[in-house]
PDB file of N, CA and C in Angstrom:
ATOM      1  N   MET A   1     138.616 -40.568 170.349  1.00  0.00           N
ATOM      2  CA  MET A   1     137.373 -40.103 169.792  1.00  0.00           C
ATOM      3  C   MET A   1     136.736 -41.189 168.915  1.00  0.00           C
ATOM      4  N   ALA A   2     137.579 -41.935 168.222  1.00  0.00           N
ATOM      5  CA  ALA A   2     137.042 -43.002 167.378  1.00  0.00           C
ATOM      6  C   ALA A   2     136.365 -44.076 168.220  1.00  0.00           C
ATOM      7  N   ASP A   3     136.914 -44.347 169.405  1.00  0.00           N
ATOM      8  CA  ASP A   3     136.295 -45.341 170.281  1.00  0.00           C
ATOM      9  C   ASP A   3     134.895 -44.926 170.693  1.00  0.00           C
ATOM     10  N   CYS A   4     134.732 -43.670 171.001  1.00  0.00           N
ATOM     11  CA  CYS A   4     133.404 -43.180 171.400  1.00  0.00           C
ATOM     12  C   CYS A   4     132.415 -43.277 170.243  1.00  0.00           C
ATOM     13  N   GLU A   5     132.876 -43.041 169.036  1.00  0.00           N
ATOM     14  CA  GLU A   5     131.988 -43.171 167.877  1.00  0.00           C
ATOM     15  C   GLU A   5     131.615 -44.632 167.625  1.00  0.00           C
ATOM     16  N   LEU A   6     132.589 -45.537 167.815  1.00  0.00           N
ATOM     17  CA  LEU A   6     132.335 -46.949 167.539  1.00  0.00           C
ATOM     18  C   LEU A   6     131.614 -47.664 168.672  1.00  0.00           C
ATOM     19  N   PHE A   7     132.034 -47.415 169.915  1.00  0.00           N
ATOM     20  CA  PHE A   7     131.555 -48.207 171.046  1.00  0.00           C
ATOM     21  C   PHE A   7     130.640 -47.451 171.988  1.00  0.00           C
ATOM     22  N   LYS A   8     130.381 -46.186 171.720  1.00  0.00           N
ATOM     23  CA  LYS A   8     129.570 -45.322 172.595  1.00  0.00           C
ATOM     24  C   LYS A   8     130.173 -45.314 173.999  1.00  0.00           C
ATOM     25  N   LEU A   9     129.416 -45.633 175.015  1.00  0.00           N
ATOM     26  CA  LEU A   9     129.922 -45.585 176.386  1.00  0.00           C
ATOM     27  C   LEU A   9     130.136 -46.989 176.979  1.00  0.00           C
ATOM     28  N   ASN A  10     130.452 -47.946 176.138  1.00  0.00           N
ATOM     29  CA  ASN A  10     130.710 -49.313 176.595  1.00  0.00           C
ATOM     30  C   ASN A  10     132.142 -49.410 177.113  1.00  0.00           C
ATOM     31  N   PRO A  11     132.348 -49.440 178.422  1.00  0.00           N
ATOM     32  CA  PRO A  11     133.715 -49.425 178.954  1.00  0.00           C
ATOM     33  C   PRO A  11     134.506 -50.686 178.622  1.00  0.00           C
ATOM     34  N   GLY A  12     133.837 -51.813 178.474  1.00  0.00           N
ATOM     35  CA  GLY A  12     134.535 -53.049 178.148  1.00  0.00           C
ATOM     36  C   GLY A  12     135.218 -52.982 176.789  1.00  0.00           C
ATOM     37  N   ALA A  13     134.543 -52.391 175.840  1.00  0.00           N
ATOM     38  CA  ALA A  13     135.119 -52.266 174.496  1.00  0.00           C
ATOM     39  C   ALA A  13     136.306 -51.308 174.500  1.00  0.00           C
ATOM     40  N   HIS A  14     136.202 -50.217 175.250  1.00  0.00           N
ATOM     41  CA  HIS A  14     137.319 -49.271 175.350  1.00  0.00           C
ATOM     42  C   HIS A  14     138.528 -49.941 175.996  1.00  0.00           C
ATOM     43  N   HIS A  15     138.296 -50.730 177.033  1.00  0.00           N
ATOM     44  CA  HIS A  15     139.391 -51.434 177.697  1.00  0.00           C
ATOM     45  C   HIS A  15     140.010 -52.479 176.762  1.00  0.00           C
ATOM     46  N   PHE A  16     139.178 -53.155 175.990  1.00  0.00           N
ATOM     47  CA  PHE A  16     139.688 -54.140 175.040  1.00  0.00           C
ATOM     48  C   PHE A  16     140.638 -53.497 174.031  1.00  0.00           C
ATOM     49  N   VAL A  17     140.317 -52.298 173.578  1.00  0.00           N
ATOM     50  CA  VAL A  17     141.198 -51.596 172.636  1.00  0.00           C
ATOM     51  C   VAL A  17     142.541 -51.297 173.292  1.00  0.00           C
ATOM     52  N   ASN A  18     142.533 -50.874 174.563  1.00  0.00           N
ATOM     53  CA  ASN A  18     143.799 -50.629 175.276  1.00  0.00           C
ATOM     54  C   ASN A  18     144.616 -51.906 175.396  1.00  0.00           C
ATOM     55  N   VAL A  19     143.970 -53.011 175.717  1.00  0.00           N
ATOM     56  CA  VAL A  19     144.678 -54.287 175.828  1.00  0.00           C
ATOM     57  C   VAL A  19     145.213 -54.720 174.465  1.00  0.00           C
ATOM     58  N   PHE A  20     144.439 -54.478 173.412  1.00  0.00           N
ATOM     59  CA  PHE A  20     144.916 -54.798 172.069  1.00  0.00           C
ATOM     60  C   PHE A  20     146.170 -53.993 171.715  1.00  0.00           C
ATOM     61  N   PHE A  21     146.151 -52.688 172.025  1.00  0.00           N
ATOM     62  CA  PHE A  21     147.336 -51.860 171.774  1.00  0.00           C
ATOM     63  C   PHE A  21     148.538 -52.374 172.565  1.00  0.00           C
ATOM     64  N   HIS A  22     148.314 -52.791 173.798  1.00  0.00           N
ATOM     65  CA  HIS A  22     149.415 -53.303 174.613  1.00  0.00           C
ATOM     66  C   HIS A  22     149.959 -54.609 174.022  1.00  0.00           C
ATOM     67  N   ALA A  23     149.089 -55.479 173.566  1.00  0.00           N
ATOM     68  CA  ALA A  23     149.535 -56.724 172.941  1.00  0.00           C
ATOM     69  C   ALA A  23     150.313 -56.447 171.656  1.00  0.00           C
ATOM     70  N   ALA A  24     149.856 -55.487 170.880  1.00  0.00           N
ATOM     71  CA  ALA A  24     150.568 -55.123 169.652  1.00  0.00           C
ATOM     72  C   ALA A  24     151.944 -54.545 169.976  1.00  0.00           C
ATOM     73  N   ASN A  25     152.022 -53.703 171.003  1.00  0.00           N
ATOM     74  CA  ASN A  25     153.317 -53.156 171.410  1.00  0.00           C
ATOM     75  C   ASN A  25     154.253 -54.244 171.904  1.00  0.00           C
ATOM     76  N   THR A  26     153.720 -55.235 172.589  1.00  0.00           N
ATOM     77  CA  THR A  26     154.535 -56.362 173.058  1.00  0.00           C
ATOM     78  C   THR A  26     155.092 -57.146 171.873  1.00  0.00           C
ATOM     79  N   ALA A  27     154.259 -57.383 170.881  1.00  0.00           N
ATOM     80  CA  ALA A  27     154.721 -58.110 169.685  1.00  0.00           C
ATOM     81  C   ALA A  27     155.787 -57.307 168.937  1.00  0.00           C
ATOM     82  N   LEU A  28     155.588 -55.993 168.852  1.00  0.00           N
ATOM     83  CA  LEU A  28     156.588 -55.151 168.186  1.00  0.00           C
ATOM     84  C   LEU A  28     157.907 -55.135 168.958  1.00  0.00           C
ATOM     85  N   LEU A  29     157.830 -55.103 170.281  1.00  0.00           N
ATOM     86  CA  LEU A  29     159.044 -55.148 171.099  1.00  0.00           C
ATOM     87  C   LEU A  29     159.783 -56.461 170.884  1.00  0.00           C
ATOM     88  N   PHE A  30     159.049 -57.567 170.872  1.00  0.00           N
ATOM     89  CA  PHE A  30     159.684 -58.865 170.630  1.00  0.00           C
ATOM     90  C   PHE A  30     160.365 -58.882 169.263  1.00  0.00           C
ATOM     91  N   ALA A  31     159.662 -58.407 168.243  1.00  0.00           N
ATOM     92  CA  ALA A  31     160.237 -58.407 166.897  1.00  0.00           C
ATOM     93  C   ALA A  31     161.493 -57.542 166.832  1.00  0.00           C
ATOM     94  N   LEU A  32     161.455 -56.378 167.460  1.00  0.00           N
ATOM     95  CA  LEU A  32     162.624 -55.502 167.463  1.00  0.00           C
ATOM     96  C   LEU A  32     163.802 -56.140 168.190  1.00  0.00           C
ATOM     97  N   LEU A  33     163.555 -56.677 169.377  1.00  0.00           N
ATOM     98  CA  LEU A  33     164.645 -57.282 170.144  1.00  0.00           C
ATOM     99  C   LEU A  33     165.221 -58.501 169.438  1.00  0.00           C
ATOM    100  N   PHE A  34     164.359 -59.299 168.850  1.00  0.00           N
ATOM    101  CA  PHE A  34     164.856 -60.477 168.127  1.00  0.00           C
ATOM    102  C   PHE A  34     165.680 -60.060 166.918  1.00  0.00           C
ATOM    103  N   ARG A  35     165.226 -59.030 166.234  1.00  0.00           N
ATOM    104  CA  ARG A  35     165.972 -58.563 165.057  1.00  0.00           C
ATOM    105  C   ARG A  35     167.331 -57.979 165.447  1.00  0.00           C
ATOM    106  N   LEU A  36     167.388 -57.302 166.591  1.00  0.00           N
ATOM    107  CA  LEU A  36     168.641 -56.701 167.022  1.00  0.00           C
ATOM    108  C   LEU A  36     169.623 -57.714 167.609  1.00  0.00           C
ATOM    109  N   THR A  37     169.103 -58.709 168.338  1.00  0.00           N
ATOM    110  CA  THR A  37     169.993 -59.634 169.049  1.00  0.00           C
ATOM    111  C   THR A  37     170.098 -61.014 168.419  1.00  0.00           C
ATOM    112  N   ARG A  38     169.104 -61.415 167.654  1.00  0.00           N
ATOM    113  CA  ARG A  38     169.024 -62.767 167.086  1.00  0.00           C
ATOM    114  C   ARG A  38     169.007 -63.847 168.171  1.00  0.00           C
ATOM    115  N   LYS A  39     168.542 -63.487 169.357  1.00  0.00           N
ATOM    116  CA  LYS A  39     168.402 -64.441 170.463  1.00  0.00           C
ATOM    117  C   LYS A  39     166.923 -64.508 170.812  1.00  0.00           C
ATOM    118  N   ILE A  40     166.288 -65.605 170.411  1.00  0.00           N
ATOM    119  CA  ILE A  40     164.837 -65.687 170.543  1.00  0.00           C
ATOM    120  C   ILE A  40     164.396 -65.751 171.999  1.00  0.00           C
ATOM    121  N   TRP A  41     165.121 -66.495 172.840  1.00  0.00           N
ATOM    122  CA  TRP A  41     164.692 -66.642 174.236  1.00  0.00           C
ATOM    123  C   TRP A  41     164.900 -65.354 175.021  1.00  0.00           C
ATOM    124  N   ALA A  42     165.952 -64.638 174.764  1.00  0.00           N
ATOM    125  CA  ALA A  42     166.169 -63.364 175.452  1.00  0.00           C
ATOM    126  C   ALA A  42     165.110 -62.348 175.036  1.00  0.00           C
ATOM    127  N   ALA A  43     164.832 -62.291 173.752  1.00  0.00           N
ATOM    128  CA  ALA A  43     163.812 -61.369 173.257  1.00  0.00           C
ATOM    129  C   ALA A  43     162.432 -61.735 173.808  1.00  0.00           C
ATOM    130  N   ALA A  44     162.136 -63.025 173.854  1.00  0.00           N
ATOM    131  CA  ALA A  44     160.843 -63.472 174.377  1.00  0.00           C
ATOM    132  C   ALA A  44     160.726 -63.174 175.869  1.00  0.00           C
ATOM    133  N   PHE A  45     161.806 -63.348 176.602  1.00  0.00           N
ATOM    134  CA  PHE A  45     161.782 -63.081 178.042  1.00  0.00           C
ATOM    135  C   PHE A  45     161.523 -61.599 178.325  1.00  0.00           C
ATOM    136  N   VAL A  46     162.233 -60.734 177.640  1.00  0.00           N
ATOM    137  CA  VAL A  46     162.052 -59.298 177.857  1.00  0.00           C
ATOM    138  C   VAL A  46     160.657 -58.863 177.414  1.00  0.00           C
ATOM    139  N   ALA A  47     160.190 -59.368 176.290  1.00  0.00           N
ATOM    140  CA  ALA A  47     158.842 -59.019 175.828  1.00  0.00           C
ATOM    141  C   ALA A  47     157.782 -59.542 176.802  1.00  0.00           C
ATOM    142  N   ALA A  48     158.011 -60.724 177.368  1.00  0.00           N
ATOM    143  CA  ALA A  48     157.064 -61.265 178.349  1.00  0.00           C
ATOM    144  C   ALA A  48     157.055 -60.424 179.624  1.00  0.00           C
ATOM    145  N   LEU A  49     158.217 -59.961 180.042  1.00  0.00           N
ATOM    146  CA  LEU A  49     158.265 -59.069 181.204  1.00  0.00           C
ATOM    147  C   LEU A  49     157.486 -57.783 180.930  1.00  0.00           C
ATOM    148  N   PHE A  50     157.661 -57.227 179.743  1.00  0.00           N
ATOM    149  CA  PHE A  50     156.920 -56.022 179.379  1.00  0.00           C
ATOM    150  C   PHE A  50     155.425 -56.306 179.308  1.00  0.00           C
ATOM    151  N   ALA A  51     155.051 -57.466 178.780  1.00  0.00           N
ATOM    152  CA  ALA A  51     153.627 -57.811 178.691  1.00  0.00           C
ATOM    153  C   ALA A  51     153.026 -57.976 180.077  1.00  0.00           C
ATOM    154  N   TRP A  52     153.799 -58.534 180.983  1.00  0.00           N
ATOM    155  CA  TRP A  52     153.304 -58.770 182.331  1.00  0.00           C
ATOM    156  C   TRP A  52     153.214 -57.475 183.132  1.00  0.00           C
ATOM    157  N   HIS A  53     154.197 -56.622 182.978  1.00  0.00           N
ATOM    158  CA  HIS A  53     154.209 -55.372 183.733  1.00  0.00           C
ATOM    159  C   HIS A  53     154.772 -54.247 182.857  1.00  0.00           C
ATOM    160  N   PRO A  54     153.890 -53.538 182.135  1.00  0.00           N
ATOM    161  CA  PRO A  54     154.363 -52.448 181.268  1.00  0.00           C
ATOM    162  C   PRO A  54     154.934 -51.292 182.080  1.00  0.00           C
ATOM    163  N   LEU A  55     155.622 -50.402 181.409  1.00  0.00           N
ATOM    164  CA  LEU A  55     156.214 -49.257 182.087  1.00  0.00           C
ATOM    165  C   LEU A  55     155.163 -48.380 182.760  1.00  0.00           C
ATOM    166  N   HIS A  56     154.054 -48.180 182.093  1.00  0.00           N
ATOM    167  CA  HIS A  56     152.955 -47.390 182.653  1.00  0.00           C
ATOM    168  C   HIS A  56     151.715 -48.279 182.706  1.00  0.00           C
ATOM    169  N   VAL A  57     151.494 -48.917 183.818  1.00  0.00           N
ATOM    170  CA  VAL A  57     150.361 -49.831 183.951  1.00  0.00           C
ATOM    171  C   VAL A  57     149.039 -49.101 183.724  1.00  0.00           C
ATOM    172  N   GLU A  58     148.984 -47.850 184.136  1.00  0.00           N
ATOM    173  CA  GLU A  58     147.750 -47.093 184.008  1.00  0.00           C
ATOM    174  C   GLU A  58     147.291 -46.981 182.552  1.00  0.00           C
ATOM    175  N   SER A  59     148.243 -46.947 181.628  1.00  0.00           N
ATOM    176  CA  SER A  59     147.888 -46.823 180.213  1.00  0.00           C
ATOM    177  C   SER A  59     147.103 -48.020 179.713  1.00  0.00           C
ATOM    178  N   VAL A  60     147.354 -49.179 180.294  1.00  0.00           N
ATOM    179  CA  VAL A  60     146.644 -50.389 179.884  1.00  0.00           C
ATOM    180  C   VAL A  60     145.390 -50.586 180.731  1.00  0.00           C
ATOM    181  N   ALA A  61     145.490 -50.300 182.016  1.00  0.00           N
ATOM    182  CA  ALA A  61     144.393 -50.599 182.928  1.00  0.00           C
ATOM    183  C   ALA A  61     143.269 -49.566 182.896  1.00  0.00           C
ATOM    184  N   TRP A  62     143.589 -48.306 182.633  1.00  0.00           N
ATOM    185  CA  TRP A  62     142.568 -47.265 182.661  1.00  0.00           C
ATOM    186  C   TRP A  62     142.259 -46.795 181.257  1.00  0.00           C
ATOM    187  N   VAL A  63     141.006 -46.688 180.959  1.00  0.00           N
ATOM    188  CA  VAL A  63     140.573 -46.262 179.626  1.00  0.00           C
ATOM    189  C   VAL A  63     141.004 -44.816 179.365  1.00  0.00           C
ATOM    190  N   SER A  64     140.991 -44.000 180.374  1.00  0.00           N
ATOM    191  CA  SER A  64     141.264 -42.574 180.180  1.00  0.00           C
ATOM    192  C   SER A  64     142.748 -42.246 180.013  1.00  0.00           C
ATOM    193  N   GLU A  65     143.626 -43.203 180.135  1.00  0.00           N
ATOM    194  CA  GLU A  65     145.067 -42.951 180.060  1.00  0.00           C
ATOM    195  C   GLU A  65     145.664 -43.361 178.714  1.00  0.00           C
ATOM    196  N   ARG A  66     144.910 -43.311 177.658  1.00  0.00           N
ATOM    197  CA  ARG A  66     145.397 -43.740 176.352  1.00  0.00           C
ATOM    198  C   ARG A  66     146.515 -42.850 175.835  1.00  0.00           C
ATOM    199  N   LYS A  67     146.621 -41.617 176.311  1.00  0.00           N
ATOM    200  CA  LYS A  67     147.616 -40.677 175.789  1.00  0.00           C
ATOM    201  C   LYS A  67     149.040 -41.186 175.983  1.00  0.00           C
ATOM    202  N   ASP A  68     149.276 -42.076 176.953  1.00  0.00           N
ATOM    203  CA  ASP A  68     150.612 -42.627 177.182  1.00  0.00           C
ATOM    204  C   ASP A  68     150.954 -43.776 176.253  1.00  0.00           C
ATOM    205  N   VAL A  69     149.949 -44.370 175.644  1.00  0.00           N
ATOM    206  CA  VAL A  69     150.192 -45.505 174.760  1.00  0.00           C
ATOM    207  C   VAL A  69     150.864 -44.998 173.507  1.00  0.00           C
TER     208      VAL A  69
END
């Protein structure tokens, strides 16, 4: 609802917010894995895999699927 108030019906802005959330989740995953394992390359590899192909691609690619994020 906040997106509609801020960006009206601009689909590019809504998609940018989804991509931003995905990037933030990727950074949080990297931080968590690094903190748990203390192996920077393993944590970076897994986070990069998640960034490249998230569990639910639709959540990042479609504006209407934000509920999964």
